[in-house]
Amino acid sequence: MNETCSLIDFYSQSPDWIKVFWVASVPGFLLGLTAIVLWYRVQMARIRADIVQPAG
């Protein structure tokens, strides 16, 4: 329990830019992960389309 209190104290005493970083890191990670997954799905769809109907 002592460690939890120290983390909360550390966060509350941090400068504002560090708080903004911590708050924005989770949505930023999720946005980046979503972009990677969507890019991968688009690339796989293009590869499947090329296999079914080769260009040329």
PDB file of N, CA and C in Angstrom:
ATOM      1  N   MET A   1       0.828  -1.198   0.000  1.00  0.00           N
ATOM      2  CA  MET A   1       0.000   0.000   0.000  1.00  0.00           C
ATOM      3  C   MET A   1       0.865   1.252   0.000  1.00  0.00           C
ATOM      4  N   ASN A   2       2.020   1.153   0.635  1.00  0.00           N
ATOM      5  CA  ASN A   2       2.934   2.281   0.686  1.00  0.00           C
ATOM      6  C   ASN A   2       3.406   2.683  -0.709  1.00  0.00           C
ATOM      7  N   GLU A   3       3.649   1.670  -1.557  1.00  0.00           N
ATOM      8  CA  GLU A   3       4.115   1.961  -2.910  1.00  0.00           C
ATOM      9  C   GLU A   3       3.035   2.683  -3.714  1.00  0.00           C
ATOM     10  N   THR A   4       1.793   2.313  -3.538  1.00  0.00           N
ATOM     11  CA  THR A   4       0.702   2.971  -4.247  1.00  0.00           C
ATOM     12  C   THR A   4       0.619   4.438  -3.849  1.00  0.00           C
ATOM     13  N   CYS A   5       0.741   4.700  -2.580  1.00  0.00           N
ATOM     14  CA  CYS A   5       0.699   6.091  -2.125  1.00  0.00           C
ATOM     15  C   CYS A   5       1.874   6.881  -2.678  1.00  0.00           C
ATOM     16  N   SER A   6       3.035   6.253  -2.754  1.00  0.00           N
ATOM     17  CA  SER A   6       4.191   6.980  -3.275  1.00  0.00           C
ATOM     18  C   SER A   6       4.022   7.274  -4.771  1.00  0.00           C
ATOM     19  N   LEU A   7       3.398   6.356  -5.516  1.00  0.00           N
ATOM     20  CA  LEU A   7       3.157   6.622  -6.937  1.00  0.00           C
ATOM     21  C   LEU A   7       2.153   7.755  -7.123  1.00  0.00           C
ATOM     22  N   ILE A   8       1.131   7.769  -6.292  1.00  0.00           N
ATOM     23  CA  ILE A   8       0.144   8.848  -6.371  1.00  0.00           C
ATOM     24  C   ILE A   8       0.795  10.172  -5.984  1.00  0.00           C
ATOM     25  N   ASP A   9       1.622  10.162  -4.965  1.00  0.00           N
ATOM     26  CA  ASP A   9       2.341  11.380  -4.569  1.00  0.00           C
ATOM     27  C   ASP A   9       3.277  11.844  -5.683  1.00  0.00           C
ATOM     28  N   PHE A  10       3.967  10.888  -6.303  1.00  0.00           N
ATOM     29  CA  PHE A  10       4.874  11.229  -7.397  1.00  0.00           C
ATOM     30  C   PHE A  10       4.112  11.882  -8.542  1.00  0.00           C
ATOM     31  N   TYR A  11       2.956  11.292  -8.899  1.00  0.00           N
ATOM     32  CA  TYR A  11       2.155  11.848  -9.997  1.00  0.00           C
ATOM     33  C   TYR A  11       1.644  13.243  -9.647  1.00  0.00           C
ATOM     34  N   SER A  12       1.160  13.414  -8.427  1.00  0.00           N
ATOM     35  CA  SER A  12       0.588  14.714  -8.060  1.00  0.00           C
ATOM     36  C   SER A  12       1.651  15.802  -7.961  1.00  0.00           C
ATOM     37  N   GLN A  13       2.891  15.436  -7.701  1.00  0.00           N
ATOM     38  CA  GLN A  13       3.956  16.422  -7.588  1.00  0.00           C
ATOM     39  C   GLN A  13       4.710  16.626  -8.907  1.00  0.00           C
ATOM     40  N   SER A  14       4.344  15.879  -9.935  1.00  0.00           N
ATOM     41  CA  SER A  14       5.021  15.999 -11.225  1.00  0.00           C
ATOM     42  C   SER A  14       4.629  17.290 -11.913  1.00  0.00           C
ATOM     43  N   PRO A  15       5.486  17.768 -12.810  1.00  0.00           N
ATOM     44  CA  PRO A  15       5.118  18.931 -13.627  1.00  0.00           C
ATOM     45  C   PRO A  15       3.962  18.577 -14.564  1.00  0.00           C
ATOM     46  N   ASP A  16       3.289  19.590 -15.048  1.00  0.00           N
ATOM     47  CA  ASP A  16       2.111  19.381 -15.888  1.00  0.00           C
ATOM     48  C   ASP A  16       2.438  18.646 -17.181  1.00  0.00           C
ATOM     49  N   TRP A  17       3.604  18.897 -17.775  1.00  0.00           N
ATOM     50  CA  TRP A  17       3.917  18.237 -19.035  1.00  0.00           C
ATOM     51  C   TRP A  17       4.068  16.735 -18.850  1.00  0.00           C
ATOM     52  N   ILE A  18       4.520  16.275 -17.698  1.00  0.00           N
ATOM     53  CA  ILE A  18       4.621  14.843 -17.432  1.00  0.00           C
ATOM     54  C   ILE A  18       3.222  14.251 -17.254  1.00  0.00           C
ATOM     55  N   LYS A  19       2.337  14.982 -16.602  1.00  0.00           N
ATOM     56  CA  LYS A  19       0.956  14.516 -16.449  1.00  0.00           C
ATOM     57  C   LYS A  19       0.279  14.392 -17.808  1.00  0.00           C
ATOM     58  N   VAL A  20       0.507  15.359 -18.676  1.00  0.00           N
ATOM     59  CA  VAL A  20      -0.074  15.309 -20.019  1.00  0.00           C
ATOM     60  C   VAL A  20       0.470  14.105 -20.772  1.00  0.00           C
ATOM     61  N   PHE A  21       1.764  13.839 -20.621  1.00  0.00           N
ATOM     62  CA  PHE A  21       2.371  12.681 -21.279  1.00  0.00           C
ATOM     63  C   PHE A  21       1.710  11.389 -20.817  1.00  0.00           C
ATOM     64  N   TRP A  22       1.528  11.228 -19.518  1.00  0.00           N
ATOM     65  CA  TRP A  22       0.919  10.013 -18.985  1.00  0.00           C
ATOM     66  C   TRP A  22      -0.525   9.866 -19.444  1.00  0.00           C
ATOM     67  N   VAL A  23      -1.259  10.952 -19.484  1.00  0.00           N
ATOM     68  CA  VAL A  23      -2.660  10.879 -19.895  1.00  0.00           C
ATOM     69  C   VAL A  23      -2.766  10.583 -21.390  1.00  0.00           C
ATOM     70  N   ALA A  24      -1.871  11.135 -22.195  1.00  0.00           N
ATOM     71  CA  ALA A  24      -1.948  10.978 -23.648  1.00  0.00           C
ATOM     72  C   ALA A  24      -1.292   9.694 -24.158  1.00  0.00           C
ATOM     73  N   SER A  25      -0.498   9.034 -23.349  1.00  0.00           N
ATOM     74  CA  SER A  25       0.232   7.867 -23.837  1.00  0.00           C
ATOM     75  C   SER A  25      -0.689   6.683 -24.137  1.00  0.00           C
ATOM     76  N   VAL A  26      -1.702   6.448 -23.341  1.00  0.00           N
ATOM     77  CA  VAL A  26      -2.593   5.311 -23.589  1.00  0.00           C
ATOM     78  C   VAL A  26      -3.415   5.520 -24.864  1.00  0.00           C
ATOM     79  N   PRO A  27      -4.107   6.657 -25.043  1.00  0.00           N
ATOM     80  CA  PRO A  27      -4.818   6.843 -26.320  1.00  0.00           C
ATOM     81  C   PRO A  27      -3.872   6.872 -27.520  1.00  0.00           C
ATOM     82  N   GLY A  28      -2.682   7.421 -27.340  1.00  0.00           N
ATOM     83  CA  GLY A  28      -1.711   7.427 -28.432  1.00  0.00           C
ATOM     84  C   GLY A  28      -1.283   6.026 -28.822  1.00  0.00           C
ATOM     85  N   PHE A  29      -1.074   5.180 -27.830  1.00  0.00           N
ATOM     86  CA  PHE A  29      -0.723   3.793 -28.095  1.00  0.00           C
ATOM     87  C   PHE A  29      -1.854   3.085 -28.833  1.00  0.00           C
ATOM     88  N   LEU A  30      -3.088   3.276 -28.368  1.00  0.00           N
ATOM     89  CA  LEU A  30      -4.226   2.624 -29.014  1.00  0.00           C
ATOM     90  C   LEU A  30      -4.429   3.119 -30.443  1.00  0.00           C
ATOM     91  N   LEU A  31      -4.224   4.406 -30.664  1.00  0.00           N
ATOM     92  CA  LEU A  31      -4.336   4.956 -32.016  1.00  0.00           C
ATOM     93  C   LEU A  31      -3.261   4.373 -32.934  1.00  0.00           C
ATOM     94  N   GLY A  32      -2.041   4.291 -32.439  1.00  0.00           N
ATOM     95  CA  GLY A  32      -0.962   3.703 -33.231  1.00  0.00           C
ATOM     96  C   GLY A  32      -1.193   2.235 -33.527  1.00  0.00           C
ATOM     97  N   LEU A  33      -1.665   1.500 -32.535  1.00  0.00           N
ATOM     98  CA  LEU A  33      -1.953   0.079 -32.734  1.00  0.00           C
ATOM     99  C   LEU A  33      -3.065  -0.107 -33.762  1.00  0.00           C
ATOM    100  N   THR A  34      -4.100   0.716 -33.692  1.00  0.00           N
ATOM    101  CA  THR A  34      -5.191   0.644 -34.660  1.00  0.00           C
ATOM    102  C   THR A  34      -4.689   0.948 -36.067  1.00  0.00           C
ATOM    103  N   ALA A  35      -3.831   1.942 -36.203  1.00  0.00           N
ATOM    104  CA  ALA A  35      -3.281   2.285 -37.520  1.00  0.00           C
ATOM    105  C   ALA A  35      -2.458   1.136 -38.089  1.00  0.00           C
ATOM    106  N   ILE A  36      -1.671   0.481 -37.263  1.00  0.00           N
ATOM    107  CA  ILE A  36      -0.850  -0.645 -37.732  1.00  0.00           C
ATOM    108  C   ILE A  36      -1.734  -1.805 -38.167  1.00  0.00           C
ATOM    109  N   VAL A  37      -2.753  -2.115 -37.368  1.00  0.00           N
ATOM    110  CA  VAL A  37      -3.654  -3.224 -37.717  1.00  0.00           C
ATOM    111  C   VAL A  37      -4.397  -2.923 -39.008  1.00  0.00           C
ATOM    112  N   LEU A  38      -4.898  -1.705 -39.170  1.00  0.00           N
ATOM    113  CA  LEU A  38      -5.617  -1.355 -40.397  1.00  0.00           C
ATOM    114  C   LEU A  38      -4.697  -1.387 -41.610  1.00  0.00           C
ATOM    115  N   TRP A  39      -3.476  -0.900 -41.463  1.00  0.00           N
ATOM    116  CA  TRP A  39      -2.504  -0.933 -42.568  1.00  0.00           C
ATOM    117  C   TRP A  39      -2.224  -2.380 -42.973  1.00  0.00           C
ATOM    118  N   TYR A  40      -2.061  -3.252 -41.981  1.00  0.00           N
ATOM    119  CA  TYR A  40      -1.799  -4.664 -42.250  1.00  0.00           C
ATOM    120  C   TYR A  40      -2.968  -5.295 -43.004  1.00  0.00           C
ATOM    121  N   ARG A  41      -4.191  -4.999 -42.577  1.00  0.00           N
ATOM    122  CA  ARG A  41      -5.367  -5.576 -43.244  1.00  0.00           C
ATOM    123  C   ARG A  41      -5.477  -5.090 -44.684  1.00  0.00           C
ATOM    124  N   VAL A  42      -5.170  -3.821 -44.935  1.00  0.00           N
ATOM    125  CA  VAL A  42      -5.207  -3.293 -46.305  1.00  0.00           C
ATOM    126  C   VAL A  42      -4.146  -3.983 -47.160  1.00  0.00           C
ATOM    127  N   GLN A  43      -2.951  -4.154 -46.620  1.00  0.00           N
ATOM    128  CA  GLN A  43      -1.883  -4.809 -47.379  1.00  0.00           C
ATOM    129  C   GLN A  43      -2.242  -6.263 -47.687  1.00  0.00           C
ATOM    130  N   MET A  44      -2.814  -6.977 -46.735  1.00  0.00           N
ATOM    131  CA  MET A  44      -3.220  -8.366 -46.972  1.00  0.00           C
ATOM    132  C   MET A  44      -4.326  -8.446 -48.012  1.00  0.00           C
ATOM    133  N   ALA A  45      -5.252  -7.493 -48.011  1.00  0.00           N
ATOM    134  CA  ALA A  45      -6.309  -7.468 -49.022  1.00  0.00           C
ATOM    135  C   ALA A  45      -5.717  -7.227 -50.409  1.00  0.00           C
ATOM    136  N   ARG A  46      -4.721  -6.350 -50.510  1.00  0.00           N
ATOM    137  CA  ARG A  46      -4.067  -6.093 -51.805  1.00  0.00           C
ATOM    138  C   ARG A  46      -3.343  -7.333 -52.304  1.00  0.00           C
ATOM    139  N   ILE A  47      -2.673  -8.026 -51.390  1.00  0.00           N
ATOM    140  CA  ILE A  47      -1.947  -9.242 -51.795  1.00  0.00           C
ATOM    141  C   ILE A  47      -2.932 -10.298 -52.271  1.00  0.00           C
ATOM    142  N   ARG A  48      -4.051 -10.484 -51.541  1.00  0.00           N
ATOM    143  CA  ARG A  48      -5.052 -11.463 -51.955  1.00  0.00           C
ATOM    144  C   ARG A  48      -5.655 -11.076 -53.302  1.00  0.00           C
ATOM    145  N   ALA A  49      -5.876  -9.805 -53.537  1.00  0.00           N
ATOM    146  CA  ALA A  49      -6.441  -9.365 -54.816  1.00  0.00           C
ATOM    147  C   ALA A  49      -5.459  -9.627 -55.956  1.00  0.00           C
ATOM    148  N   ASP A  50      -4.161  -9.451 -55.697  1.00  0.00           N
ATOM    149  CA  ASP A  50      -3.161  -9.717 -56.727  1.00  0.00           C
ATOM    150  C   ASP A  50      -3.058 -11.211 -57.025  1.00  0.00           C
ATOM    151  N   ILE A  51      -3.272 -12.042 -56.024  1.00  0.00           N
ATOM    152  CA  ILE A  51      -3.199 -13.482 -56.239  1.00  0.00           C
ATOM    153  C   ILE A  51      -4.403 -13.946 -57.059  1.00  0.00           C
ATOM    154  N   VAL A  52      -5.576 -13.423 -56.753  1.00  0.00           N
ATOM    155  CA  VAL A  52      -6.793 -13.819 -57.476  1.00  0.00           C
ATOM    156  C   VAL A  52      -6.767 -13.299 -58.898  1.00  0.00           C
ATOM    157  N   GLN A  53      -6.426 -12.025 -59.089  1.00  0.00           N
ATOM    158  CA  GLN A  53      -6.349 -11.415 -60.407  1.00  0.00           C
ATOM    159  C   GLN A  53      -4.979 -10.769 -60.571  1.00  0.00           C
ATOM    160  N   PRO A  54      -4.018 -11.488 -61.093  1.00  0.00           N
ATOM    161  CA  PRO A  54      -2.689 -10.890 -61.260  1.00  0.00           C
ATOM    162  C   PRO A  54      -2.726  -9.672 -62.169  1.00  0.00           C
ATOM    163  N   ALA A  55      -1.918  -8.690 -61.826  1.00  0.00           N
ATOM    164  CA  ALA A  55      -1.848  -7.469 -62.653  1.00  0.00           C
ATOM    165  C   ALA A  55      -1.117  -7.799 -63.941  1.00  0.00           C
ATOM    166  N   GLY A  56      -1.601  -7.225 -65.023  1.00  0.00           N
ATOM    167  CA  GLY A  56      -0.892  -7.374 -66.279  1.00  0.00           C
ATOM    168  C   GLY A  56      -1.614  -8.136 -67.260  1.00  0.00           C
TER     169      GLY A  56
END
